[in-house]
Each structure stands twice: as C-alpha cells, then as structure tokens.
C-alpha cells in the first residue's frame, strides 16, 4: 500500500500544478485580451482617419506623414528600454497610446485598398496568427533555437524595406512580403512560447501585469506585420 505521506505529497503537487496551470491560463488570456483591445483601437483610429478627408489630407499630403510612419517605431524602442522601470499602469497607458499611433500610420490602408479586401485580408491574417500562436502554446518542441534565425530574418526584412523605399522595386517588394510573412509567422509561435515560459506564479502582480502588456505588444506587432504584408498579395486597390 502506498504510504500516506506519499499520497499527501502527490496530492499537494497535483494541486500546485493545477493552480499554476490556472494562473498561466489567466495570464495568457490577459495577454490576448490586451492585444485584441489594442487591435480594436488601431482599427477604429485607422478607419476614422482614413475616411475623414479633414484628417488624412493634412497628414498624408505633408511631411507630417513621415512623423506618423516613424512614430510607432519610436514607441517600440521606448518600450524596449523602459519596460523594466515603468509601472504597470504606465506600461498599459503607453500600449494604448502606441495602438492609437499605429492606427494613424495604418489609416493610409483605407485610402489605397478596398474595404472588402481589407476585411478579407484581416481574417486570413487572423487565421494564420491564431494557428501559429496556438502551436507555440501547445508544442513541446523548444523553439528558442529558431530565435536568432528569426531575428536575423527580421533585421533583413527591415533593411530591405528601407532600401526599397528609394528603389521602388516591385520584385524586391514581392520578396520582402514573402520572406516577411514567413518571419512574422515564425515569430508568433516563438513569442507565444516565450510568453508562456516566462510566466511564473511566484512573481508579484505588478511584474505579471507588465509581462502581459509586453507580451501583448510582441504578438500585436507580429499580427499587424502579417496583415500588412498579406495586403500586398490579397489587397484590391481602389
């Protein structure tokens, strides 16, 4: 017969594992909720600005468009360097502000592409993102070994995109879109696994909140980039 101490020990371990799993589930749900709310803010801002001439004409017909286009990148760098020192409340407010600024940047999408193609591309991107994020969450395979390769691919895509601003090559843009989609799909699975593995039940609530915001930012960026790159293939221009 199994000793009483072992039975109680096993029960305690099982209960602890169940509590950890429940905490992890709530943490991941918080991450996805932040991300989803951020996408709603971005979509609303982009739609309102893109459908209001009094707003988009002064922005996209002047040098102000470069400020709008580069502002999200400045937010990302600020987040990366300051996330450890800012409070959870500040991190959350900065995330909402970033999503709104990203909406300004994406307003041009509504000026270039039809509403039907935007909606269709959004659902394709959502399907791709959801599938790969789910894989990153449930897989037992260690995806960390792909991290450096994906980061190098991301850097390459960014550099090529900047170069193509001046070249305007359609062939290069096609290659950037294909490689970029593959990179960001891979990053979605990788980031999801990282968010899951970084969760720890014994850290304080403030740190968990910041982890959730930063995790939401990572997944949000992956989704937005997948969406934008897919528009190059599925988007129907006005």
Protein backbone atom coordinates (compact mmCIF):
# COMPACT_ATOMS: atom_id res chain seq x y z
CA UNK A 1 0.00 0.00 0.00
CA UNK A 2 1.27 3.49 -0.82
CA UNK A 3 2.46 5.39 2.28
CA UNK A 4 0.13 8.13 3.49
CA UNK A 5 2.93 10.72 3.21
CA UNK A 6 3.44 9.90 -0.46
CA UNK A 7 -0.28 10.12 -1.19
CA UNK A 8 -0.49 13.52 0.51
CA UNK A 9 2.69 14.64 -1.25
CA UNK A 10 1.31 13.65 -4.62
CA UNK A 11 -1.96 15.43 -3.87
CA UNK A 12 -0.13 18.62 -2.91
CA UNK A 13 1.94 18.50 -6.09
CA UNK A 14 -1.14 17.91 -8.22
CA UNK A 15 -2.94 20.82 -6.55
CA UNK A 16 0.10 23.07 -7.05
CA UNK A 17 0.32 22.11 -10.73
CA UNK A 18 -3.40 22.79 -11.17
CA UNK A 19 -3.03 26.25 -9.58
CA UNK A 20 -0.05 27.01 -11.80
CA UNK A 21 -1.94 25.95 -14.93
CA UNK A 22 -4.91 28.09 -13.93
CA UNK A 23 -2.64 31.08 -13.32
CA UNK A 24 -0.91 30.54 -16.66
CA UNK A 25 -4.26 30.32 -18.45
CA UNK A 26 -5.39 33.62 -16.91
CA UNK A 27 -2.06 35.23 -17.80
CA UNK A 28 -2.27 34.17 -21.46
CA UNK A 29 -5.91 35.27 -21.61
CA UNK A 30 -4.86 38.69 -20.28
CA UNK A 31 -2.16 38.92 -22.97
CA UNK A 32 -4.63 38.11 -25.75
CA UNK A 33 -7.23 40.48 -24.30
CA UNK A 34 -4.73 43.34 -24.31
CA UNK A 35 -3.71 42.50 -27.84
CA UNK A 36 -7.31 42.27 -29.03
CA UNK A 37 -8.25 45.57 -27.42
CA UNK A 38 -5.18 47.15 -28.98
CA UNK A 39 -6.21 45.95 -32.43
CA UNK A 40 -9.70 47.40 -31.91
CA UNK A 41 -8.20 50.80 -31.02
CA UNK A 42 -5.89 50.64 -34.05
CA UNK A 43 -8.71 49.67 -36.39
CA UNK A 44 -11.05 52.40 -35.15
CA UNK A 45 -8.41 55.13 -35.40
CA UNK A 46 -7.31 53.94 -38.86
CA UNK A 47 -10.90 53.80 -40.13
CA UNK A 48 -11.91 57.20 -38.72
CA UNK A 49 -8.82 58.96 -40.04
CA UNK A 50 -8.86 57.11 -43.37
CA UNK A 51 -12.49 58.02 -44.03
CA UNK A 52 -12.25 61.66 -42.95
CA UNK A 53 -10.60 63.96 -45.52
CA UNK A 54 -10.24 66.74 -42.96
CA UNK A 55 -7.93 64.42 -41.01
CA UNK A 56 -6.00 62.42 -43.60
CA UNK A 57 -5.33 65.22 -46.11
CA UNK A 58 -3.21 67.36 -43.71
CA UNK A 59 -1.34 64.24 -42.55
CA UNK A 60 -0.57 62.37 -45.77
CA UNK A 61 -0.08 65.39 -48.03
CA UNK A 62 2.67 66.92 -45.91
CA UNK A 63 5.96 65.90 -44.27
CA UNK A 64 3.85 65.04 -41.22
CA UNK A 65 3.28 61.62 -42.83
CA UNK A 66 6.89 60.67 -42.04
CA UNK A 67 6.33 61.50 -38.37
CA UNK A 68 3.21 59.34 -38.35
CA UNK A 69 5.01 56.48 -40.11
CA UNK A 70 8.07 56.53 -37.83
CA UNK A 71 6.29 57.23 -34.53
CA UNK A 72 5.33 53.55 -33.91
CA UNK A 73 8.99 52.55 -34.25
CA UNK A 74 9.95 55.17 -31.66
CA UNK A 75 7.30 53.74 -29.30
CA UNK A 76 8.69 50.22 -29.70
CA UNK A 77 12.23 51.35 -28.86
CA UNK A 78 10.94 53.31 -25.86
CA UNK A 79 9.03 50.27 -24.62
CA UNK A 80 12.06 48.02 -25.02
CA UNK A 81 14.34 50.27 -22.98
CA UNK A 82 11.88 51.46 -20.32
CA UNK A 83 9.58 48.49 -19.65
CA UNK A 84 11.63 47.37 -16.63
CA UNK A 85 11.49 50.76 -14.90
CA UNK A 86 7.94 51.94 -15.69
CA UNK A 87 4.95 50.95 -13.61
CA UNK A 88 2.32 48.51 -14.86
CA UNK A 89 -0.20 51.34 -15.20
CA UNK A 90 2.20 53.44 -17.25
CA UNK A 91 3.06 50.46 -19.45
CA UNK A 92 -0.62 49.86 -20.12
CA UNK A 93 -1.28 53.52 -21.00
CA UNK A 94 1.76 53.57 -23.29
CA UNK A 95 0.47 50.47 -25.03
CA UNK A 96 -2.92 52.06 -25.71
CA UNK A 97 -1.18 55.21 -26.98
CA UNK A 98 1.03 53.10 -29.24
CA UNK A 99 -2.01 51.33 -30.70
CA UNK A 100 -3.64 54.68 -31.45
CA UNK A 101 -0.49 55.98 -33.15
CA UNK A 102 -0.28 52.76 -35.15
CA UNK A 103 -3.86 53.43 -36.23
CA UNK A 104 -2.78 56.80 -37.63
CA UNK A 105 0.00 55.08 -39.54
CA UNK A 106 -2.35 52.43 -40.94
CA UNK A 107 -5.01 54.95 -41.99
CA UNK A 108 -3.39 55.03 -45.44
CA UNK A 109 -4.54 51.41 -45.92
CA UNK A 110 -8.12 52.64 -46.23
CA UNK A 111 -7.01 55.15 -48.88
CA UNK A 112 -5.29 52.53 -51.03
CA UNK A 113 -7.27 49.29 -50.67
CA UNK A 114 -10.96 48.45 -50.87
CA UNK A 115 -12.86 47.74 -47.67
CA UNK A 116 -13.73 44.21 -48.83
CA UNK A 117 -10.11 43.26 -49.45
CA UNK A 118 -9.06 44.76 -46.11
CA UNK A 119 -11.67 42.66 -44.29
CA UNK A 120 -10.72 39.53 -46.21
CA UNK A 121 -7.03 40.02 -45.51
CA UNK A 122 -7.75 40.65 -41.84
CA UNK A 123 -9.49 37.29 -41.47
CA UNK A 124 -6.72 35.48 -43.36
CA UNK A 125 -4.12 37.12 -41.12
CA UNK A 126 -6.18 36.27 -38.02
CA UNK A 127 -6.35 32.62 -39.08
CA UNK A 128 -2.62 32.43 -39.71
CA UNK A 129 -1.83 34.19 -36.45
CA UNK A 130 -4.24 32.11 -34.36
CA UNK A 131 -2.96 28.83 -35.77
CA UNK A 132 0.72 29.60 -35.24
CA UNK A 133 0.17 31.13 -31.80
CA UNK A 134 -1.77 28.05 -30.72
CA UNK A 135 1.10 25.89 -31.99
CA UNK A 136 3.60 27.95 -29.99
CA UNK A 137 1.48 27.48 -26.87
CA UNK A 138 0.86 23.73 -27.05
CA UNK A 139 4.04 22.42 -28.69
CA UNK A 140 6.60 20.61 -26.56
CA UNK A 141 9.32 21.42 -29.07
CA UNK A 142 11.86 24.03 -27.97
CA UNK A 143 11.54 26.93 -30.41
CA UNK A 144 14.31 29.01 -28.83
CA UNK A 145 16.90 27.63 -31.26
CA UNK A 146 14.99 29.34 -34.08
CA UNK A 147 15.04 32.71 -32.29
CA UNK A 148 18.36 34.02 -33.61
CA UNK A 149 17.47 32.93 -37.16
CA UNK A 150 14.11 34.72 -36.97
CA UNK A 151 15.66 37.90 -35.55
CA UNK A 152 18.24 37.95 -38.35
CA UNK A 153 15.41 37.48 -40.85
CA UNK A 154 13.50 40.36 -39.24
CA UNK A 155 16.54 42.66 -39.46
CA UNK A 156 16.98 41.70 -43.09
CA UNK A 157 13.34 42.47 -43.88
CA UNK A 158 13.56 45.88 -42.17
CA UNK A 159 16.76 46.83 -44.04
CA UNK A 160 15.37 45.64 -47.37
CA UNK A 161 12.13 47.59 -46.77
CA UNK A 162 14.06 50.80 -46.09
CA UNK A 163 16.20 50.30 -49.21
CA UNK A 164 13.11 49.65 -51.31
CA UNK A 165 11.58 52.96 -50.27
CA UNK A 166 14.19 54.57 -52.51
CA UNK A 167 14.37 51.84 -55.18
CA UNK A 168 10.65 51.19 -55.58
CA UNK A 169 11.31 47.71 -56.97
CA UNK A 170 8.19 45.54 -57.29
CA UNK A 171 10.30 42.35 -57.42
CA UNK A 172 12.08 43.28 -54.20
CA UNK A 173 8.77 44.16 -52.58
CA UNK A 174 7.40 40.75 -53.53
CA UNK A 175 10.42 39.03 -51.96
CA UNK A 176 10.13 41.19 -48.83
CA UNK A 177 6.45 40.27 -48.47
CA UNK A 178 7.02 36.52 -48.85
CA UNK A 179 10.01 36.38 -46.51
CA UNK A 180 8.39 38.81 -44.09
CA UNK A 181 5.24 36.71 -43.73
CA UNK A 182 7.33 33.61 -43.00
CA UNK A 183 9.43 35.51 -40.45
CA UNK A 184 6.47 37.01 -38.58
CA UNK A 185 4.55 33.72 -38.58
CA UNK A 186 7.63 32.09 -37.03
CA UNK A 187 7.97 34.94 -34.53
CA UNK A 188 4.34 34.48 -33.50
CA UNK A 189 4.96 30.87 -32.43
CA UNK A 190 8.30 31.77 -30.84
CA UNK A 191 6.93 34.77 -28.91
CA UNK A 192 3.92 32.78 -27.70
CA UNK A 193 6.17 30.08 -26.29
CA UNK A 194 8.39 32.73 -24.66
CA UNK A 195 5.40 34.42 -23.03
CA UNK A 196 4.24 31.06 -21.70
CA UNK A 197 7.67 30.09 -20.36
CA UNK A 198 8.34 33.47 -18.75
CA UNK A 199 5.22 33.20 -16.62
CA UNK A 200 5.99 32.46 -13.00
CA UNK A 201 3.39 32.08 -10.27
CA UNK A 202 5.63 33.47 -7.55
CA UNK A 203 6.35 36.89 -9.10
CA UNK A 204 4.38 39.91 -7.91
CA UNK A 205 1.21 41.15 -9.58
CA UNK A 206 2.90 44.31 -10.85
CA UNK A 207 5.52 42.32 -12.75
CA UNK A 208 2.91 39.94 -14.16
CA UNK A 209 0.91 42.90 -15.42
CA UNK A 210 3.94 44.36 -17.21
CA UNK A 211 4.79 40.96 -18.66
CA UNK A 212 1.26 40.72 -20.03
CA UNK A 213 1.48 44.17 -21.65
CA UNK A 214 4.87 43.50 -23.20
CA UNK A 215 3.73 40.08 -24.40
CA UNK A 216 0.65 41.66 -25.96
CA UNK A 217 2.89 44.21 -27.71
CA UNK A 218 5.04 41.44 -29.21
CA UNK A 219 2.06 39.49 -30.54
CA UNK A 220 0.33 42.68 -31.71
CA UNK A 221 3.35 43.66 -33.81
CA UNK A 222 3.51 40.20 -35.36
CA UNK A 223 -0.17 40.32 -36.30
CA UNK A 224 -0.03 43.83 -37.76
CA UNK A 225 3.00 42.99 -39.88
CA UNK A 226 1.42 39.75 -41.16
CA UNK A 227 -1.69 41.76 -42.08
CA UNK A 228 0.23 44.48 -43.89
CA UNK A 229 2.41 42.05 -45.84
CA UNK A 230 -0.58 39.94 -46.85
CA UNK A 231 -2.27 43.04 -48.27
CA UNK A 232 0.43 43.09 -50.94
CA UNK A 233 -0.96 39.78 -52.21
CA UNK A 234 -4.68 39.86 -51.46
CA UNK A 235 -5.41 43.59 -51.40
CA UNK A 236 -7.52 45.10 -54.17
CA UNK A 237 -6.59 48.72 -54.78
CA UNK A 238 -9.15 51.50 -55.02
